[in-house]
Amino acid sequence: MTLSALAVIFLLVITLGYGVKCWLSPFGDCRHCDGMGHAFKYDRKGKAKRGKDCRRCKATGKRIRVGRHLYNVSRRTYRAGTR
């Protein structure tokens, strides 16, 4: 096999794998709060306390994956165009 054919197969496997991951688990951990839903605050003694709620995920700790978001947008556009 040539190098370009191997690269195409590799990219196809990666893309299909990400598609399956978005299908099975459409929500991933928030990258801002690492899935905790809030930030940590430390007092003067160094003890960790709960901080403010995460604004990105609205304190759920989960965010929709990029691939799932693109799929939802394409389905919404398709449905709007076929009405």
N, C-alpha and C. Protein backbone atom coordinates (compact mmCIF):
# COMPACT_ATOMS: atom_id res chain seq x y z
N MET A 1 0.84 -1.19 0.00
CA MET A 1 0.00 0.00 0.00
C MET A 1 0.88 1.25 0.00
N THR A 2 0.37 2.26 -0.63
CA THR A 2 1.12 3.50 -0.66
C THR A 2 0.86 4.29 0.62
N LEU A 3 1.69 5.27 0.81
CA LEU A 3 1.58 6.08 2.01
C LEU A 3 0.28 6.89 2.03
N SER A 4 -0.13 7.38 0.88
CA SER A 4 -1.37 8.17 0.84
C SER A 4 -2.59 7.30 1.14
N ALA A 5 -2.60 6.05 0.68
CA ALA A 5 -3.72 5.14 0.97
C ALA A 5 -3.78 4.83 2.46
N LEU A 6 -2.62 4.64 3.08
CA LEU A 6 -2.59 4.40 4.53
C LEU A 6 -3.09 5.62 5.30
N ALA A 7 -2.74 6.81 4.83
CA ALA A 7 -3.19 8.03 5.49
C ALA A 7 -4.70 8.18 5.38
N VAL A 8 -5.25 7.86 4.23
CA VAL A 8 -6.70 7.95 4.03
C VAL A 8 -7.42 6.95 4.92
N ILE A 9 -6.92 5.73 5.00
CA ILE A 9 -7.53 4.71 5.85
C ILE A 9 -7.44 5.12 7.32
N PHE A 10 -6.31 5.66 7.72
CA PHE A 10 -6.12 6.10 9.09
C PHE A 10 -7.12 7.21 9.45
N LEU A 11 -7.25 8.21 8.58
CA LEU A 11 -8.19 9.30 8.83
C LEU A 11 -9.63 8.82 8.84
N LEU A 12 -9.95 7.85 8.00
CA LEU A 12 -11.30 7.29 7.97
C LEU A 12 -11.62 6.56 9.28
N VAL A 13 -10.67 5.81 9.78
CA VAL A 13 -10.86 5.08 11.04
C VAL A 13 -11.03 6.07 12.20
N ILE A 14 -10.22 7.11 12.23
CA ILE A 14 -10.32 8.12 13.29
C ILE A 14 -11.67 8.83 13.23
N THR A 15 -12.10 9.20 12.03
CA THR A 15 -13.38 9.91 11.87
C THR A 15 -14.56 9.03 12.28
N LEU A 16 -14.55 7.79 11.84
CA LEU A 16 -15.63 6.88 12.21
C LEU A 16 -15.64 6.60 13.71
N GLY A 17 -14.47 6.48 14.30
CA GLY A 17 -14.37 6.28 15.74
C GLY A 17 -14.94 7.45 16.52
N TYR A 18 -14.63 8.67 16.08
CA TYR A 18 -15.17 9.85 16.76
C TYR A 18 -16.68 9.95 16.55
N GLY A 19 -17.15 9.56 15.38
CA GLY A 19 -18.60 9.56 15.12
C GLY A 19 -19.33 8.61 16.04
N VAL A 20 -18.76 7.43 16.24
CA VAL A 20 -19.37 6.45 17.15
C VAL A 20 -19.34 6.97 18.59
N LYS A 21 -18.24 7.62 18.96
CA LYS A 21 -18.14 8.17 20.31
C LYS A 21 -19.19 9.26 20.54
N CYS A 22 -19.42 10.12 19.53
CA CYS A 22 -20.45 11.16 19.64
C CYS A 22 -21.84 10.56 19.68
N TRP A 23 -22.02 9.44 19.01
CA TRP A 23 -23.33 8.79 19.00
C TRP A 23 -23.62 8.12 20.34
N LEU A 24 -22.62 7.44 20.90
CA LEU A 24 -22.81 6.73 22.16
C LEU A 24 -22.81 7.67 23.37
N SER A 25 -21.97 8.69 23.33
CA SER A 25 -21.85 9.62 24.45
C SER A 25 -21.80 11.05 23.91
N PRO A 26 -22.97 11.67 23.69
CA PRO A 26 -22.97 13.00 23.08
C PRO A 26 -22.44 14.11 23.98
N PHE A 27 -22.37 13.87 25.27
CA PHE A 27 -21.88 14.89 26.19
C PHE A 27 -20.55 14.46 26.78
N GLY A 28 -19.62 15.39 26.85
CA GLY A 28 -18.31 15.15 27.45
C GLY A 28 -18.12 16.08 28.63
N ASP A 29 -17.04 15.88 29.36
CA ASP A 29 -16.74 16.74 30.50
C ASP A 29 -16.41 18.15 30.03
N CYS A 30 -16.83 19.11 30.80
CA CYS A 30 -16.53 20.51 30.50
C CYS A 30 -15.02 20.71 30.62
N ARG A 31 -14.44 21.38 29.63
CA ARG A 31 -12.99 21.59 29.64
C ARG A 31 -12.59 22.72 30.58
N HIS A 32 -13.52 23.56 30.93
CA HIS A 32 -13.20 24.69 31.79
C HIS A 32 -13.11 24.27 33.26
N CYS A 33 -14.07 23.47 33.70
CA CYS A 33 -14.11 23.07 35.12
C CYS A 33 -13.73 21.60 35.32
N ASP A 34 -13.32 20.92 34.25
CA ASP A 34 -12.92 19.50 34.29
C ASP A 34 -14.04 18.60 34.79
N GLY A 35 -15.28 18.95 34.47
CA GLY A 35 -16.41 18.11 34.81
C GLY A 35 -16.91 18.24 36.24
N MET A 36 -16.38 19.20 36.98
CA MET A 36 -16.81 19.37 38.38
C MET A 36 -18.06 20.24 38.49
N GLY A 37 -18.24 21.17 37.57
CA GLY A 37 -19.39 22.06 37.62
C GLY A 37 -19.13 23.34 38.39
N HIS A 38 -17.97 23.43 39.00
CA HIS A 38 -17.62 24.63 39.75
C HIS A 38 -16.12 24.76 39.83
N ALA A 39 -15.67 25.91 40.21
CA ALA A 39 -14.24 26.15 40.39
C ALA A 39 -13.87 25.90 41.85
N PHE A 40 -12.59 25.78 42.11
CA PHE A 40 -12.12 25.64 43.48
C PHE A 40 -11.56 26.97 43.94
N LYS A 41 -11.79 27.26 45.21
CA LYS A 41 -11.26 28.46 45.84
C LYS A 41 -10.47 28.00 47.05
N TYR A 42 -9.39 28.67 47.32
CA TYR A 42 -8.56 28.28 48.46
C TYR A 42 -8.55 29.39 49.49
N ASP A 43 -8.70 29.01 50.77
CA ASP A 43 -8.64 30.02 51.81
C ASP A 43 -7.18 30.30 52.18
N ARG A 44 -6.98 31.12 53.20
CA ARG A 44 -5.61 31.52 53.56
C ARG A 44 -4.77 30.37 54.08
N LYS A 45 -5.43 29.34 54.59
CA LYS A 45 -4.70 28.18 55.10
C LYS A 45 -4.34 27.19 54.01
N GLY A 46 -4.90 27.40 52.80
CA GLY A 46 -4.63 26.50 51.70
C GLY A 46 -5.68 25.42 51.53
N LYS A 47 -6.73 25.48 52.33
CA LYS A 47 -7.79 24.49 52.26
C LYS A 47 -8.70 24.80 51.07
N ALA A 48 -9.01 23.77 50.28
CA ALA A 48 -9.86 23.96 49.10
C ALA A 48 -11.32 24.08 49.51
N LYS A 49 -12.01 25.03 48.88
CA LYS A 49 -13.43 25.23 49.11
C LYS A 49 -14.13 25.32 47.76
N ARG A 50 -15.42 25.12 47.77
CA ARG A 50 -16.18 25.23 46.53
C ARG A 50 -16.23 26.70 46.11
N GLY A 51 -15.95 26.93 44.83
CA GLY A 51 -15.98 28.30 44.32
C GLY A 51 -17.27 28.56 43.56
N LYS A 52 -17.21 29.47 42.61
CA LYS A 52 -18.38 29.84 41.83
C LYS A 52 -18.74 28.73 40.84
N ASP A 53 -20.02 28.71 40.46
CA ASP A 53 -20.47 27.75 39.45
C ASP A 53 -19.85 28.09 38.11
N CYS A 54 -19.61 27.06 37.31
CA CYS A 54 -19.03 27.24 35.98
C CYS A 54 -20.08 27.84 35.06
N ARG A 55 -19.72 28.92 34.36
CA ARG A 55 -20.66 29.57 33.47
C ARG A 55 -20.77 28.85 32.13
N ARG A 56 -19.73 28.15 31.71
CA ARG A 56 -19.77 27.47 30.42
C ARG A 56 -20.77 26.32 30.39
N CYS A 57 -20.74 25.51 31.44
CA CYS A 57 -21.62 24.32 31.46
C CYS A 57 -22.83 24.53 32.35
N LYS A 58 -22.99 25.72 32.92
CA LYS A 58 -24.11 26.05 33.80
C LYS A 58 -24.18 25.10 35.01
N ALA A 59 -23.01 24.79 35.57
CA ALA A 59 -22.85 23.99 36.78
C ALA A 59 -23.29 22.54 36.61
N THR A 60 -23.34 22.02 35.38
CA THR A 60 -23.66 20.61 35.19
C THR A 60 -22.41 19.75 35.07
N GLY A 61 -21.31 20.35 34.63
CA GLY A 61 -20.07 19.60 34.43
C GLY A 61 -20.00 18.93 33.07
N LYS A 62 -21.05 19.04 32.26
CA LYS A 62 -21.09 18.39 30.95
C LYS A 62 -21.30 19.43 29.86
N ARG A 63 -20.70 19.18 28.70
CA ARG A 63 -20.89 20.02 27.52
C ARG A 63 -21.09 19.12 26.32
N ILE A 64 -21.81 19.60 25.33
CA ILE A 64 -22.05 18.81 24.14
C ILE A 64 -20.76 18.76 23.31
N ARG A 65 -20.47 17.60 22.75
CA ARG A 65 -19.26 17.44 21.93
C ARG A 65 -19.40 18.21 20.63
N VAL A 66 -18.27 18.59 20.05
CA VAL A 66 -18.26 19.37 18.81
C VAL A 66 -18.91 18.59 17.68
N GLY A 67 -18.59 17.32 17.57
CA GLY A 67 -19.17 16.49 16.50
C GLY A 67 -20.67 16.35 16.65
N ARG A 68 -21.15 16.21 17.86
CA ARG A 68 -22.59 16.10 18.08
C ARG A 68 -23.28 17.43 17.79
N HIS A 69 -22.63 18.53 18.12
CA HIS A 69 -23.19 19.84 17.82
C HIS A 69 -23.32 20.03 16.31
N LEU A 70 -22.29 19.64 15.56
CA LEU A 70 -22.35 19.76 14.09
C LEU A 70 -23.45 18.87 13.53
N TYR A 71 -23.62 17.68 14.07
CA TYR A 71 -24.69 16.78 13.63
C TYR A 71 -26.07 17.41 13.91
N ASN A 72 -26.24 17.98 15.10
CA ASN A 72 -27.52 18.60 15.45
C ASN A 72 -27.83 19.78 14.53
N VAL A 73 -26.82 20.59 14.21
CA VAL A 73 -27.02 21.73 13.32
C VAL A 73 -27.42 21.25 11.93
N SER A 74 -26.75 20.21 11.43
CA SER A 74 -27.08 19.72 10.09
C SER A 74 -28.48 19.12 10.05
N ARG A 75 -28.88 18.41 11.08
CA ARG A 75 -30.23 17.85 11.11
C ARG A 75 -31.28 18.95 11.20
N ARG A 76 -31.01 19.98 11.99
CA ARG A 76 -31.95 21.10 12.12
C ARG A 76 -32.10 21.83 10.78
N THR A 77 -30.99 22.03 10.06
CA THR A 77 -31.03 22.68 8.75
C THR A 77 -31.79 21.83 7.75
N TYR A 78 -31.56 20.53 7.77
CA TYR A 78 -32.23 19.63 6.84
C TYR A 78 -33.75 19.63 7.08
N ARG A 79 -34.14 19.57 8.37
CA ARG A 79 -35.56 19.57 8.70
C ARG A 79 -36.23 20.89 8.32
N ALA A 80 -35.52 21.99 8.51
CA ALA A 80 -36.08 23.30 8.16
C ALA A 80 -36.23 23.44 6.64
N GLY A 81 -35.35 22.79 5.89
CA GLY A 81 -35.40 22.90 4.44
C GLY A 81 -36.42 22.00 3.80
N THR A 82 -36.87 20.96 4.49
CA THR A 82 -37.82 20.02 3.91
C THR A 82 -39.26 20.28 4.35
N ARG A 83 -39.51 21.33 5.09
CA ARG A 83 -40.87 21.64 5.52
C ARG A 83 -41.68 22.27 4.43
